[in-house]
Amino acid sequence: MIIEKAQELGLCFGVKRALKLLQDATERYGEIESLGSVAHNRQLVEKLSRMGVTPVGHIDQVQGKILAISAHGTSPEILEQARVGHIRIIDTTCPLVRKAQNTARELAETGFDVIIFGEAEHIEVKGLLGWAKGRGRATLDAKQLTGLKGKSRRLGVISQTTQPQASLVEFINQLVADLSSSVREIRIINTLCKITQKRQRNAAKCARQSELMVVIGGHDSANTRRLAEACSQIVETRQVENSSELDSSWFAGKHHVGITAGASTPDETIEEVLAWLRSPNCDFSVRGK
């Protein structure tokens, strides 16, 4: 059996940047806190914990004076609370998320109602809604926006950075079909992460060549779920957080298996999965980058 890795997988530049900032911060300040998980991966959070980074659920729970903002970003209200509380911020917000935040702010300031194509409860989207200054709505279903008919004359549309491009296009087409007759202007700004889109295409390419795809990453990671969704439309797909979740029965009768991993999946976790596949109980060869 051949195990083939997707062309690009694992930690993206945004998460690598966040890890470097946090490493520098712990070396300078010692133990620090982070507002939520810096990235949605349990192994990564455990690694950061060993470095001295402790997640807190809300800014009111902060005990010290050094607080890291996750790669997903946060709202201006949280940043203002930190300023008032004299809390030093280590901002690891991904530059692409920051661009989306600035876009939401600029749209709101110029009189647009901001529509965010994304999961309303995701931390990134909650932050984007904050930057929209009370003029934002988040949804994955354009039909939920029919209530805007006659209430909004100018709409600005952006996206959660990890959403699939095809889904965004479908959303926009539905939005235009439902609201174009009552809205004077619809402005669409592409805030999708190009790296995420490329990885989704690479994963799909690998899936088309495979009889089974294994997607490695946190079960609460949005970008990992997108990879699994993209692959599952093509071939049988299994998402695992680490090697302990692998089941040898999945591979019975399979001759070509593909591997990919989410943008917050540490290299060590990917190597553990490959080591399991190379173990004496398996007869797999591994190829790919």
Protein backbone atom coordinates (compact mmCIF):
# COMPACT_ATOMS: atom_id res chain seq x y z
CA MET A 1 0.00 0.00 0.00
CA ILE A 2 1.18 3.51 -0.84
CA ILE A 3 0.59 6.43 1.53
CA GLU A 4 0.86 9.75 -0.33
CA LYS A 5 1.08 13.11 1.40
CA ALA A 6 -0.65 16.15 -0.10
CA GLN A 7 1.76 18.66 -1.61
CA GLU A 8 1.30 21.14 1.25
CA LEU A 9 0.05 20.31 4.72
CA GLY A 10 0.47 21.20 8.38
CA LEU A 11 1.37 24.52 10.00
CA CYS A 12 0.65 27.58 7.85
CA PHE A 13 2.71 30.76 7.98
CA GLY A 14 0.14 32.48 10.21
CA VAL A 15 0.36 29.81 12.91
CA LYS A 16 4.16 29.61 12.59
CA ARG A 17 4.27 33.39 13.07
CA ALA A 18 2.05 33.12 16.15
CA LEU A 19 4.27 30.43 17.66
CA LYS A 20 7.38 32.56 17.13
CA LEU A 21 5.73 35.58 18.76
CA LEU A 22 4.67 33.47 21.74
CA GLN A 23 8.08 31.89 22.11
CA ASP A 24 9.68 35.33 22.14
CA ALA A 25 7.08 36.56 24.65
CA THR A 26 7.58 33.68 27.10
CA GLU A 27 11.34 34.11 26.89
CA ARG A 28 10.94 37.79 27.73
CA TYR A 29 8.10 37.76 30.25
CA GLY A 30 7.96 34.20 31.55
CA GLU A 31 4.44 32.78 31.87
CA ILE A 32 1.72 34.58 29.93
CA GLU A 33 -1.98 34.06 29.23
CA SER A 34 -3.82 33.75 25.92
CA LEU A 35 -7.40 34.70 25.15
CA GLY A 36 -8.71 31.28 24.19
CA SER A 37 -6.59 28.78 22.28
CA VAL A 38 -4.00 30.40 20.04
CA ALA A 39 -4.98 27.82 17.41
CA HIS A 40 -7.53 24.99 17.39
CA ASN A 41 -5.32 22.00 18.02
CA ARG A 42 -4.99 20.19 21.35
CA GLN A 43 -1.41 19.06 20.78
CA LEU A 44 -0.38 22.60 19.89
CA VAL A 45 -2.11 24.00 22.98
CA GLU A 46 -0.29 21.44 25.14
CA LYS A 47 3.01 22.43 23.55
CA LEU A 48 2.31 26.09 24.27
CA SER A 49 1.35 25.23 27.84
CA ARG A 50 4.79 23.68 28.36
CA MET A 51 6.28 26.94 27.05
CA GLY A 52 4.29 28.89 29.65
CA VAL A 53 1.14 29.96 27.75
CA THR A 54 -2.12 29.49 29.71
CA PRO A 55 -5.46 29.94 27.88
CA VAL A 56 -8.29 31.88 29.55
CA GLY A 57 -11.88 31.94 28.36
CA HIS A 58 -12.61 35.63 28.82
CA ILE A 59 -10.63 38.80 29.39
CA ASP A 60 -12.23 39.15 32.84
CA GLN A 61 -10.39 35.97 33.85
CA VAL A 62 -6.94 37.39 33.10
CA GLN A 63 -4.77 37.28 36.22
CA GLY A 64 -1.53 38.78 34.93
CA LYS A 65 -0.58 41.73 32.76
CA ILE A 66 0.52 39.96 29.58
CA LEU A 67 -2.19 38.63 27.24
CA ALA A 68 -1.81 36.97 23.84
CA ILE A 69 -4.50 37.39 21.20
CA SER A 70 -4.94 34.24 19.11
CA ALA A 71 -4.16 33.91 15.40
CA HIS A 72 -7.94 34.15 14.85
CA GLY A 73 -7.94 37.73 16.14
CA THR A 74 -10.42 39.48 18.43
CA SER A 75 -12.74 42.47 18.57
CA PRO A 76 -11.76 46.13 19.19
CA GLU A 77 -13.86 46.00 22.37
CA ILE A 78 -11.56 43.33 23.83
CA LEU A 79 -8.49 45.35 22.88
CA GLU A 80 -9.98 48.41 24.56
CA GLN A 81 -10.71 46.44 27.73
CA ALA A 82 -7.09 45.32 27.78
CA ARG A 83 -5.88 48.91 27.35
CA VAL A 84 -8.08 50.16 30.19
CA GLY A 85 -6.83 47.31 32.38
CA HIS A 86 -3.19 48.15 31.55
CA ILE A 87 -2.70 44.69 30.04
CA ARG A 88 0.11 44.35 27.54
CA ILE A 89 -1.09 42.65 24.34
CA ILE A 90 0.92 40.11 22.35
CA ASP A 91 -1.08 40.21 19.13
CA THR A 92 -0.62 37.03 17.08
CA THR A 93 -3.57 37.79 14.77
CA CYS A 94 -2.88 36.28 11.34
CA PRO A 95 -2.10 39.11 8.87
CA LEU A 96 -4.83 37.79 6.55
CA VAL A 97 -7.39 37.91 9.38
CA ARG A 98 -6.17 41.43 10.17
CA LYS A 99 -6.84 42.39 6.54
CA ALA A 100 -10.40 41.05 6.85
CA GLN A 101 -10.87 43.01 10.09
CA ASN A 102 -9.71 46.23 8.43
CA THR A 103 -12.06 45.55 5.52
CA ALA A 104 -15.03 45.08 7.87
CA ARG A 105 -14.15 48.33 9.66
CA GLU A 106 -13.75 50.31 6.43
CA LEU A 107 -17.05 49.04 5.04
CA ALA A 108 -18.92 49.95 8.23
CA GLU A 109 -17.31 53.39 8.39
CA THR A 110 -18.40 54.16 4.82
CA GLY A 111 -22.04 53.26 5.44
CA PHE A 112 -22.25 49.62 4.39
CA ASP A 113 -24.05 46.89 6.27
CA VAL A 114 -21.47 44.11 6.52
CA ILE A 115 -22.39 40.53 5.63
CA ILE A 116 -19.85 37.96 6.80
CA PHE A 117 -19.98 34.55 5.14
CA GLY A 118 -18.92 32.41 8.08
CA GLU A 119 -19.78 30.53 11.25
CA ALA A 120 -21.29 33.08 13.63
CA GLU A 121 -19.88 31.35 16.74
CA HIS A 122 -16.32 30.99 15.42
CA ILE A 123 -13.79 33.19 17.22
CA GLU A 124 -12.54 34.75 13.98
CA VAL A 125 -16.07 35.68 12.90
CA LYS A 126 -16.94 37.10 16.34
CA GLY A 127 -13.90 39.36 15.98
CA LEU A 128 -14.95 40.43 12.48
CA LEU A 129 -18.41 41.31 13.77
CA GLY A 130 -16.76 43.53 16.37
CA TRP A 131 -14.81 45.38 13.70
CA ALA A 132 -18.06 45.88 11.77
CA LYS A 133 -19.14 48.19 14.62
CA GLY A 134 -22.67 46.90 15.07
CA ARG A 135 -23.39 46.84 11.34
CA GLY A 136 -22.43 43.20 10.77
CA ARG A 137 -24.31 39.94 10.34
CA ALA A 138 -22.72 36.50 9.99
CA THR A 139 -24.31 33.48 8.34
CA LEU A 140 -23.61 30.57 6.01
CA ASP A 141 -27.12 30.72 4.52
CA ALA A 142 -27.97 33.67 2.28
CA LYS A 143 -31.67 32.90 2.63
CA GLN A 144 -31.44 34.04 6.26
CA LEU A 145 -30.80 37.56 4.98
CA THR A 146 -34.10 38.05 3.15
CA GLY A 147 -35.22 40.19 6.08
CA LEU A 148 -32.83 42.89 4.84
CA LYS A 149 -35.12 43.61 1.88
CA GLY A 150 -36.04 47.27 2.01
CA LYS A 151 -33.94 47.82 5.16
CA SER A 152 -30.45 48.13 3.69
CA ARG A 153 -29.39 50.05 0.59
CA ARG A 154 -25.67 49.19 0.66
CA LEU A 155 -24.21 45.78 1.47
CA GLY A 156 -20.57 44.82 1.85
CA VAL A 157 -19.78 41.09 1.70
CA ILE A 158 -16.64 39.49 3.18
CA SER A 159 -15.81 35.96 4.29
CA GLN A 160 -14.33 34.02 7.15
CA THR A 161 -10.83 33.37 5.80
CA THR A 162 -11.02 29.55 5.81
CA GLN A 163 -14.32 29.08 3.97
CA PRO A 164 -14.25 27.21 0.62
CA GLN A 165 -14.27 29.44 -2.45
CA ALA A 166 -17.02 27.44 -4.16
CA SER A 167 -19.29 27.85 -1.12
CA LEU A 168 -18.65 31.60 -1.04
CA VAL A 169 -19.54 31.92 -4.73
CA GLU A 170 -22.77 29.98 -4.17
CA PHE A 171 -23.59 32.22 -1.19
CA ILE A 172 -23.00 35.41 -3.20
CA ASN A 173 -25.10 34.17 -6.12
CA GLN A 174 -28.00 33.45 -3.76
CA LEU A 175 -27.58 36.79 -2.00
CA VAL A 176 -27.64 38.72 -5.29
CA ALA A 177 -30.67 36.76 -6.52
CA ASP A 178 -32.61 37.50 -3.32
CA LEU A 179 -31.61 41.11 -2.62
CA SER A 180 -30.38 42.81 -5.80
CA SER A 181 -33.81 44.28 -6.57
CA SER A 182 -33.99 46.10 -3.23
CA VAL A 183 -30.32 46.95 -2.56
CA ARG A 184 -28.69 49.84 -4.41
CA GLU A 185 -25.11 48.63 -4.03
CA ILE A 186 -23.46 45.30 -3.18
CA ARG A 187 -19.71 45.39 -2.70
CA ILE A 188 -17.87 42.05 -2.50
CA ILE A 189 -14.33 41.90 -1.10
CA ASN A 190 -12.44 38.62 -1.26
CA THR A 191 -11.01 37.96 2.21
CA LEU A 192 -10.42 34.24 1.69
CA CYS A 193 -6.98 32.93 2.62
CA LYS A 194 -5.23 31.97 -0.63
CA ILE A 195 -2.99 29.52 1.22
CA THR A 196 -6.03 27.75 2.66
CA GLN A 197 -7.65 27.62 -0.79
CA LYS A 198 -4.48 26.15 -2.30
CA ARG A 199 -4.31 23.51 0.43
CA GLN A 200 -7.92 22.57 -0.18
CA ARG A 201 -7.16 22.14 -3.90
CA ASN A 202 -4.05 20.07 -3.11
CA ALA A 203 -6.05 17.89 -0.71
CA ALA A 204 -8.74 17.35 -3.35
CA LYS A 205 -6.08 16.44 -5.92
CA CYS A 206 -4.62 13.89 -3.51
CA ALA A 207 -8.11 12.54 -2.78
CA ARG A 208 -8.79 11.95 -6.48
CA GLN A 209 -5.74 9.69 -6.60
CA SER A 210 -6.59 7.80 -3.39
CA GLU A 211 -8.99 5.18 -2.10
CA LEU A 212 -8.99 6.71 1.39
CA MET A 213 -8.00 10.14 2.77
CA VAL A 214 -6.77 10.70 6.31
CA VAL A 215 -7.09 14.33 7.45
CA ILE A 216 -5.05 15.16 10.55
CA GLY A 217 -6.11 18.03 12.80
CA GLY A 218 -8.19 19.26 15.72
CA HIS A 219 -11.87 18.35 15.66
CA ASP A 220 -12.73 21.99 16.46
CA SER A 221 -10.46 23.38 13.73
CA ALA A 222 -12.46 25.10 10.97
CA ASN A 223 -9.78 24.78 8.31
CA THR A 224 -9.28 21.07 9.10
CA ARG A 225 -13.03 20.49 8.75
CA ARG A 226 -12.94 22.23 5.37
CA LEU A 227 -10.18 19.87 4.22
CA ALA A 228 -12.20 16.86 5.39
CA GLU A 229 -15.35 18.18 3.68
CA ALA A 230 -13.49 18.77 0.41
CA CYS A 231 -11.99 15.28 0.46
CA SER A 232 -15.17 13.50 1.56
CA GLN A 233 -16.94 14.72 -1.60
CA ILE A 234 -14.41 12.70 -3.59
CA VAL A 235 -13.43 9.63 -1.57
CA GLU A 236 -13.88 7.95 1.81
CA THR A 237 -12.33 10.31 4.36
CA ARG A 238 -11.35 9.97 8.02
CA GLN A 239 -10.43 12.92 10.25
CA VAL A 240 -8.17 12.17 13.22
CA GLU A 241 -6.59 14.43 15.80
CA ASN A 242 -3.59 12.15 16.28
CA SER A 243 -2.34 8.60 15.73
CA SER A 244 -4.31 7.19 18.68
CA GLU A 245 -7.53 7.61 16.67
CA LEU A 246 -6.33 5.54 13.69
CA ASP A 247 -8.03 2.20 13.08
CA SER A 248 -6.27 -0.46 11.02
CA SER A 249 -9.62 -1.71 9.69
CA TRP A 250 -9.96 1.50 7.66
CA PHE A 251 -7.05 0.44 5.48
CA ALA A 252 -8.19 -3.10 4.70
CA GLY A 253 -8.21 -3.63 0.94
CA LYS A 254 -6.90 -0.13 0.26
CA HIS A 255 -3.92 0.24 -2.08
CA HIS A 256 -3.49 4.02 -2.17
CA VAL A 257 -4.15 6.27 0.83
CA GLY A 258 -3.76 10.06 0.95
CA ILE A 259 -2.70 12.20 3.91
CA THR A 260 -3.28 15.89 4.58
CA ALA A 261 -3.34 18.03 7.72
CA GLY A 262 -4.88 21.24 9.01
CA ALA A 263 -3.02 24.53 9.28
CA SER A 264 -2.65 24.25 13.06
CA THR A 265 -1.43 20.63 13.08
CA PRO A 266 2.14 20.36 14.45
CA ASP A 267 4.75 18.53 12.41
CA GLU A 268 5.24 16.08 15.31
CA THR A 269 1.61 14.96 15.08
CA ILE A 270 1.89 14.34 11.35
CA GLU A 271 5.10 12.35 11.90
CA GLU A 272 3.39 10.27 14.61
CA VAL A 273 0.66 9.31 12.15
CA LEU A 274 3.28 8.38 9.53
CA ALA A 275 5.22 6.40 12.14
CA TRP A 276 2.03 4.43 12.95
CA LEU A 277 1.65 3.66 9.25
CA ARG A 278 5.30 2.54 9.09
CA SER A 279 4.90 0.29 12.13
CA PRO A 280 5.43 -3.53 11.83
CA ASN A 281 1.66 -4.09 11.79
CA CYS A 282 1.37 -2.07 8.59
CA ASP A 283 2.82 -2.72 5.16
CA PHE A 284 2.75 0.80 3.76
CA SER A 285 5.30 2.86 1.86
CA VAL A 286 5.13 6.62 2.23
CA ARG A 287 5.83 9.10 -0.52
CA GLY A 288 5.28 12.75 -1.08
CA LYS A 289 6.71 15.93 0.34
